[in-house]
PDB file of all heavy atoms in Angstrom:
ATOM      1  N   ARG A   1     108.190  31.651 232.745  1.00  0.00           N
ATOM      2  CA  ARG A   1     109.459  31.376 233.452  1.00  0.00           C
ATOM      3  C   ARG A   1     109.325  31.520 234.969  1.00  0.00           C
ATOM      4  O   ARG A   1     109.888  32.444 235.582  1.00  0.00           O
ATOM      5  CB  ARG A   1     110.552  32.247 232.913  1.00  0.00           C
ATOM      6  CG  ARG A   1     111.922  31.588 233.119  1.00  0.00           C
ATOM      7  CD  ARG A   1     113.074  32.408 232.583  1.00  0.00           C
ATOM      8  NE  ARG A   1     112.932  32.742 231.205  1.00  0.00           N
ATOM      9  CZ  ARG A   1     113.439  33.855 230.636  1.00  0.00           C
ATOM     10  NH1 ARG A   1     114.168  34.722 231.382  1.00  0.00           N
ATOM     11  NH2 ARG A   1     113.241  34.137 229.382  1.00  0.00           N
ATOM     12  N   LEU A   2     108.577  30.628 235.572  1.00  0.00           N
ATOM     13  CA  LEU A   2     108.406  30.666 237.044  1.00  0.00           C
ATOM     14  C   LEU A   2     109.607  30.169 237.736  1.00  0.00           C
ATOM     15  O   LEU A   2     110.283  29.247 237.319  1.00  0.00           O
ATOM     16  CB  LEU A   2     107.276  29.695 237.407  1.00  0.00           C
ATOM     17  CG  LEU A   2     105.818  30.275 237.289  1.00  0.00           C
ATOM     18  CD1 LEU A   2     104.809  29.190 237.525  1.00  0.00           C
ATOM     19  CD2 LEU A   2     105.602  31.417 238.263  1.00  0.00           C
ATOM     20  N   SER A   3     109.877  30.796 238.946  1.00  0.00           N
ATOM     21  CA  SER A   3     110.955  30.371 239.740  1.00  0.00           C
ATOM     22  C   SER A   3     110.496  30.531 241.226  1.00  0.00           C
ATOM     23  O   SER A   3     109.501  31.199 241.494  1.00  0.00           O
ATOM     24  CB  SER A   3     112.219  31.102 239.478  1.00  0.00           C
ATOM     25  OG  SER A   3     112.019  32.511 239.682  1.00  0.00           O
ATOM     26  N   PHE A   4     111.259  29.953 242.149  1.00  0.00           N
ATOM     27  CA  PHE A   4     110.965  30.183 243.568  1.00  0.00           C
ATOM     28  C   PHE A   4     111.243  31.590 243.885  1.00  0.00           C
ATOM     29  O   PHE A   4     112.239  32.201 243.451  1.00  0.00           O
ATOM     30  CB  PHE A   4     111.829  29.233 244.404  1.00  0.00           C
ATOM     31  CG  PHE A   4     111.523  27.801 244.160  1.00  0.00           C
ATOM     32  CD1 PHE A   4     112.394  26.991 243.475  1.00  0.00           C
ATOM     33  CD2 PHE A   4     110.388  27.217 244.704  1.00  0.00           C
ATOM     34  CE1 PHE A   4     112.117  25.662 243.228  1.00  0.00           C
ATOM     35  CE2 PHE A   4     110.105  25.876 244.487  1.00  0.00           C
ATOM     36  CZ  PHE A   4     110.960  25.093 243.745  1.00  0.00           C
ATOM     37  N   ALA A   5     110.327  32.222 244.624  1.00  0.00           N
ATOM     38  CA  ALA A   5     110.539  33.608 245.058  1.00  0.00           C
ATOM     39  C   ALA A   5     111.730  33.698 245.979  1.00  0.00           C
ATOM     40  O   ALA A   5     111.968  32.835 246.799  1.00  0.00           O
ATOM     41  CB  ALA A   5     109.306  34.127 245.786  1.00  0.00           C
ATOM     42  N   PRO A   6     112.516  34.769 245.829  1.00  0.00           N
ATOM     43  CA  PRO A   6     113.683  34.926 246.747  1.00  0.00           C
ATOM     44  C   PRO A   6     113.207  35.029 248.198  1.00  0.00           C
ATOM     45  O   PRO A   6     112.153  35.631 248.485  1.00  0.00           O
ATOM     46  CB  PRO A   6     114.353  36.209 246.234  1.00  0.00           C
ATOM     47  CG  PRO A   6     113.534  36.742 245.168  1.00  0.00           C
ATOM     48  CD  PRO A   6     112.384  35.850 244.912  1.00  0.00           C
ATOM     49  N   GLU A   7     113.994  34.538 249.090  1.00  0.00           N
ATOM     50  CA  GLU A   7     113.673  34.535 250.507  1.00  0.00           C
ATOM     51  C   GLU A   7     113.327  35.973 250.985  1.00  0.00           C
ATOM     52  O   GLU A   7     112.461  36.182 251.761  1.00  0.00           O
ATOM     53  CB  GLU A   7     114.818  33.960 251.313  1.00  0.00           C
ATOM     54  CG  GLU A   7     114.484  33.779 252.789  1.00  0.00           C
ATOM     55  CD  GLU A   7     115.610  33.115 253.564  1.00  0.00           C
ATOM     56  OE1 GLU A   7     116.422  32.453 252.963  1.00  0.00           O
ATOM     57  OE2 GLU A   7     115.625  33.316 254.815  1.00  0.00           O
ATOM     58  N   SER A   8     114.066  36.908 250.447  1.00  0.00           N
ATOM     59  CA  SER A   8     113.841  38.358 250.873  1.00  0.00           C
ATOM     60  C   SER A   8     112.437  38.868 250.502  1.00  0.00           C
ATOM     61  O   SER A   8     111.976  39.809 251.097  1.00  0.00           O
ATOM     62  CB  SER A   8     114.912  39.223 250.240  1.00  0.00           C
ATOM     63  OG  SER A   8     114.809  39.160 248.827  1.00  0.00           O
ATOM     64  N   LYS A   9     111.808  38.235 249.507  1.00  0.00           N
ATOM     65  CA  LYS A   9     110.446  38.680 249.083  1.00  0.00           C
ATOM     66  C   LYS A   9     109.303  37.948 249.786  1.00  0.00           C
ATOM     67  O   LYS A   9     108.162  38.405 249.750  1.00  0.00           O
ATOM     68  CB  LYS A   9     110.303  38.528 247.561  1.00  0.00           C
ATOM     69  CG  LYS A   9     111.139  39.503 246.777  1.00  0.00           C
ATOM     70  CD  LYS A   9     110.615  40.906 246.889  1.00  0.00           C
ATOM     71  CE  LYS A   9     111.285  41.887 246.045  1.00  0.00           C
ATOM     72  NZ  LYS A   9     110.798  43.187 246.234  1.00  0.00           N
ATOM     73  N   ILE A  10     109.554  36.772 250.327  1.00  0.00           N
ATOM     74  CA  ILE A  10     108.502  35.946 250.917  1.00  0.00           C
ATOM     75  C   ILE A  10     107.703  36.732 251.974  1.00  0.00           C
ATOM     76  O   ILE A  10     106.492  36.741 251.912  1.00  0.00           O
ATOM     77  CB  ILE A  10     109.071  34.597 251.441  1.00  0.00           C
ATOM     78  CG1 ILE A  10     109.560  33.714 250.230  1.00  0.00           C
ATOM     79  CG2 ILE A  10     108.008  33.878 252.237  1.00  0.00           C
ATOM     80  CD1 ILE A  10     110.290  32.492 250.566  1.00  0.00           C
ATOM     81  N   SER A  11     108.401  37.258 252.914  1.00  0.00           N
ATOM     82  CA  SER A  11     107.733  38.062 253.940  1.00  0.00           C
ATOM     83  C   SER A  11     106.987  39.286 253.390  1.00  0.00           C
ATOM     84  O   SER A  11     105.840  39.551 253.808  1.00  0.00           O
ATOM     85  CB  SER A  11     108.732  38.468 255.016  1.00  0.00           C
ATOM     86  OG  SER A  11     108.093  39.211 256.004  1.00  0.00           O
ATOM     87  N   ASP A  12     107.626  39.931 252.420  1.00  0.00           N
ATOM     88  CA  ASP A  12     106.967  41.166 251.864  1.00  0.00           C
ATOM     89  C   ASP A  12     105.657  40.794 251.134  1.00  0.00           C
ATOM     90  O   ASP A  12     104.672  41.514 251.285  1.00  0.00           O
ATOM     91  CB  ASP A  12     107.900  41.782 250.780  1.00  0.00           C
ATOM     92  CG  ASP A  12     109.139  42.394 251.376  1.00  0.00           C
ATOM     93  OD1 ASP A  12     109.213  42.594 252.610  1.00  0.00           O
ATOM     94  OD2 ASP A  12     110.087  42.687 250.582  1.00  0.00           O
ATOM     95  N   VAL A  13     105.630  39.676 250.458  1.00  0.00           N
ATOM     96  CA  VAL A  13     104.474  39.283 249.647  1.00  0.00           C
ATOM     97  C   VAL A  13     103.396  38.551 250.530  1.00  0.00           C
ATOM     98  O   VAL A  13     102.240  38.847 250.326  1.00  0.00           O
ATOM     99  CB  VAL A  13     104.917  38.406 248.453  1.00  0.00           C
ATOM    100  CG1 VAL A  13     103.663  37.864 247.698  1.00  0.00           C
ATOM    101  CG2 VAL A  13     105.814  39.180 247.513  1.00  0.00           C
ATOM    102  N   THR A  14     103.830  37.657 251.367  1.00  0.00           N
ATOM    103  CA  THR A  14     102.857  36.881 252.122  1.00  0.00           C
ATOM    104  C   THR A  14     102.549  37.396 253.507  1.00  0.00           C
ATOM    105  O   THR A  14     101.515  37.080 254.073  1.00  0.00           O
ATOM    106  CB  THR A  14     103.362  35.377 252.292  1.00  0.00           C
ATOM    107  OG1 THR A  14     104.508  35.366 253.169  1.00  0.00           O
ATOM    108  CG2 THR A  14     103.721  34.773 250.973  1.00  0.00           C
ATOM    109  N   GLY A  15     103.508  38.181 254.059  1.00  0.00           N
ATOM    110  CA  GLY A  15     103.343  38.634 255.475  1.00  0.00           C
ATOM    111  C   GLY A  15     103.840  37.604 256.471  1.00  0.00           C
ATOM    112  O   GLY A  15     103.697  37.779 257.679  1.00  0.00           O
ATOM    113  N   PHE A  16     104.448  36.497 255.972  1.00  0.00           N
ATOM    114  CA  PHE A  16     104.949  35.458 256.903  1.00  0.00           C
ATOM    115  C   PHE A  16     106.388  35.169 256.482  1.00  0.00           C
ATOM    116  O   PHE A  16     106.801  35.310 255.352  1.00  0.00           O
ATOM    117  CB  PHE A  16     104.114  34.237 256.742  1.00  0.00           C
ATOM    118  CG  PHE A  16     102.659  34.459 257.035  1.00  0.00           C
ATOM    119  CD1 PHE A  16     101.739  34.711 256.068  1.00  0.00           C
ATOM    120  CD2 PHE A  16     102.243  34.471 258.379  1.00  0.00           C
ATOM    121  CE1 PHE A  16     100.424  34.960 256.375  1.00  0.00           C
ATOM    122  CE2 PHE A  16     100.901  34.727 258.718  1.00  0.00           C
ATOM    123  CZ  PHE A  16      99.974  34.997 257.668  1.00  0.00           C
ATOM    124  N   GLU A  17     107.165  34.629 257.474  1.00  0.00           N
ATOM    125  CA  GLU A  17     108.557  34.323 257.233  1.00  0.00           C
ATOM    126  C   GLU A  17     108.720  32.957 256.554  1.00  0.00           C
ATOM    127  O   GLU A  17     107.746  32.111 256.650  1.00  0.00           O
ATOM    128  CB  GLU A  17     109.363  34.364 258.462  1.00  0.00           C
ATOM    129  CG  GLU A  17     109.030  33.412 259.524  1.00  0.00           C
ATOM    130  CD  GLU A  17     109.804  33.525 260.819  1.00  0.00           C
ATOM    131  OE1 GLU A  17     111.078  33.365 260.761  1.00  0.00           O
ATOM    132  OE2 GLU A  17     109.217  33.833 261.856  1.00  0.00           O
ATOM    133  N   LEU A  18     109.806  32.727 255.882  1.00  0.00           N
ATOM    134  CA  LEU A  18     110.085  31.456 255.223  1.00  0.00           C
ATOM    135  C   LEU A  18     109.962  30.366 256.241  1.00  0.00           C
ATOM    136  O   LEU A  18     110.421  30.448 257.336  1.00  0.00           O
ATOM    137  CB  LEU A  18     111.517  31.522 254.684  1.00  0.00           C
ATOM    138  CG  LEU A  18     111.992  30.237 253.988  1.00  0.00           C
ATOM    139  CD1 LEU A  18     111.253  29.955 252.682  1.00  0.00           C
ATOM    140  CD2 LEU A  18     113.492  30.315 253.740  1.00  0.00           C
ATOM    141  N   GLY A  19     109.250  29.266 255.852  1.00  0.00           N
ATOM    142  CA  GLY A  19     109.029  28.154 256.721  1.00  0.00           C
ATOM    143  C   GLY A  19     107.755  28.238 257.525  1.00  0.00           C
ATOM    144  O   GLY A  19     107.414  27.336 258.226  1.00  0.00           O
ATOM    145  N   SER A  20     107.074  29.431 257.462  1.00  0.00           N
ATOM    146  CA  SER A  20     105.845  29.601 258.264  1.00  0.00           C
ATOM    147  C   SER A  20     104.662  30.100 257.400  1.00  0.00           C
ATOM    148  O   SER A  20     103.702  30.612 257.923  1.00  0.00           O
ATOM    149  CB  SER A  20     106.095  30.606 259.379  1.00  0.00           C
ATOM    150  OG  SER A  20     107.053  30.091 260.252  1.00  0.00           O
ATOM    151  N   VAL A  21     104.764  29.984 256.083  1.00  0.00           N
ATOM    152  CA  VAL A  21     103.756  30.474 255.204  1.00  0.00           C
ATOM    153  C   VAL A  21     102.549  29.535 255.181  1.00  0.00           C
ATOM    154  O   VAL A  21     102.694  28.385 254.758  1.00  0.00           O
ATOM    155  CB  VAL A  21     104.338  30.677 253.768  1.00  0.00           C
ATOM    156  CG1 VAL A  21     103.229  31.197 252.795  1.00  0.00           C
ATOM    157  CG2 VAL A  21     105.505  31.680 253.828  1.00  0.00           C
ATOM    158  N   PRO A  22     101.388  29.976 255.546  1.00  0.00           N
ATOM    159  CA  PRO A  22     100.183  29.179 255.506  1.00  0.00           C
ATOM    160  C   PRO A  22      99.638  29.092 254.083  1.00  0.00           C
ATOM    161  O   PRO A  22      99.970  29.954 253.229  1.00  0.00           O
ATOM    162  CB  PRO A  22      99.209  29.864 256.460  1.00  0.00           C
ATOM    163  CG  PRO A  22      99.606  31.293 256.351  1.00  0.00           C
ATOM    164  CD  PRO A  22     101.095  31.305 256.175  1.00  0.00           C
ATOM    165  N   PRO A  23      98.831  28.133 253.798  1.00  0.00           N
ATOM    166  CA  PRO A  23      98.240  28.011 252.431  1.00  0.00           C
ATOM    167  C   PRO A  23      97.088  28.972 252.184  1.00  0.00           C
ATOM    168  O   PRO A  23      96.024  28.552 251.688  1.00  0.00           O
ATOM    169  CB  PRO A  23      97.827  26.547 252.373  1.00  0.00           C
ATOM    170  CG  PRO A  23      97.470  26.233 253.747  1.00  0.00           C
ATOM    171  CD  PRO A  23      98.391  27.028 254.617  1.00  0.00           C
ATOM    172  N   VAL A  24      97.253  30.229 252.535  1.00  0.00           N
ATOM    173  CA  VAL A  24      96.196  31.208 252.427  1.00  0.00           C
ATOM    174  C   VAL A  24      96.869  32.463 251.896  1.00  0.00           C
ATOM    175  O   VAL A  24      97.958  32.842 252.347  1.00  0.00           O
ATOM    176  CB  VAL A  24      95.618  31.526 253.844  1.00  0.00           C
ATOM    177  CG1 VAL A  24      94.625  32.636 253.751  1.00  0.00           C
ATOM    178  CG2 VAL A  24      95.033  30.291 254.463  1.00  0.00           C
ATOM    179  N   SER A  25      96.265  33.128 250.934  1.00  0.00           N
ATOM    180  CA  SER A  25      96.739  34.392 250.449  1.00  0.00           C
ATOM    181  C   SER A  25      95.897  35.523 251.026  1.00  0.00           C
ATOM    182  O   SER A  25      94.689  35.478 250.979  1.00  0.00           O
ATOM    183  CB  SER A  25      96.671  34.462 248.950  1.00  0.00           C
ATOM    184  OG  SER A  25      97.109  35.768 248.456  1.00  0.00           O
ATOM    185  N   PHE A  26      96.577  36.425 251.690  1.00  0.00           N
ATOM    186  CA  PHE A  26      95.847  37.633 252.215  1.00  0.00           C
ATOM    187  C   PHE A  26      96.006  38.800 251.286  1.00  0.00           C
ATOM    188  O   PHE A  26      95.637  39.918 251.573  1.00  0.00           O
ATOM    189  CB  PHE A  26      96.431  37.967 253.612  1.00  0.00           C
ATOM    190  CG  PHE A  26      96.087  36.887 254.622  1.00  0.00           C
ATOM    191  CD1 PHE A  26      97.070  35.948 254.981  1.00  0.00           C
ATOM    192  CD2 PHE A  26      94.824  36.761 255.164  1.00  0.00           C
ATOM    193  CE1 PHE A  26      96.732  34.976 255.896  1.00  0.00           C
ATOM    194  CE2 PHE A  26      94.519  35.774 256.030  1.00  0.00           C
ATOM    195  CZ  PHE A  26      95.506  34.876 256.402  1.00  0.00           C
TER     196      PHE A  26
END
């Protein structure tokens, strides 16, 4: 049951803000 991550989690998980996430996982 995949869904889009909540905006509040994007920065926590990726280290980048919504709209600026590069295609790289750190």
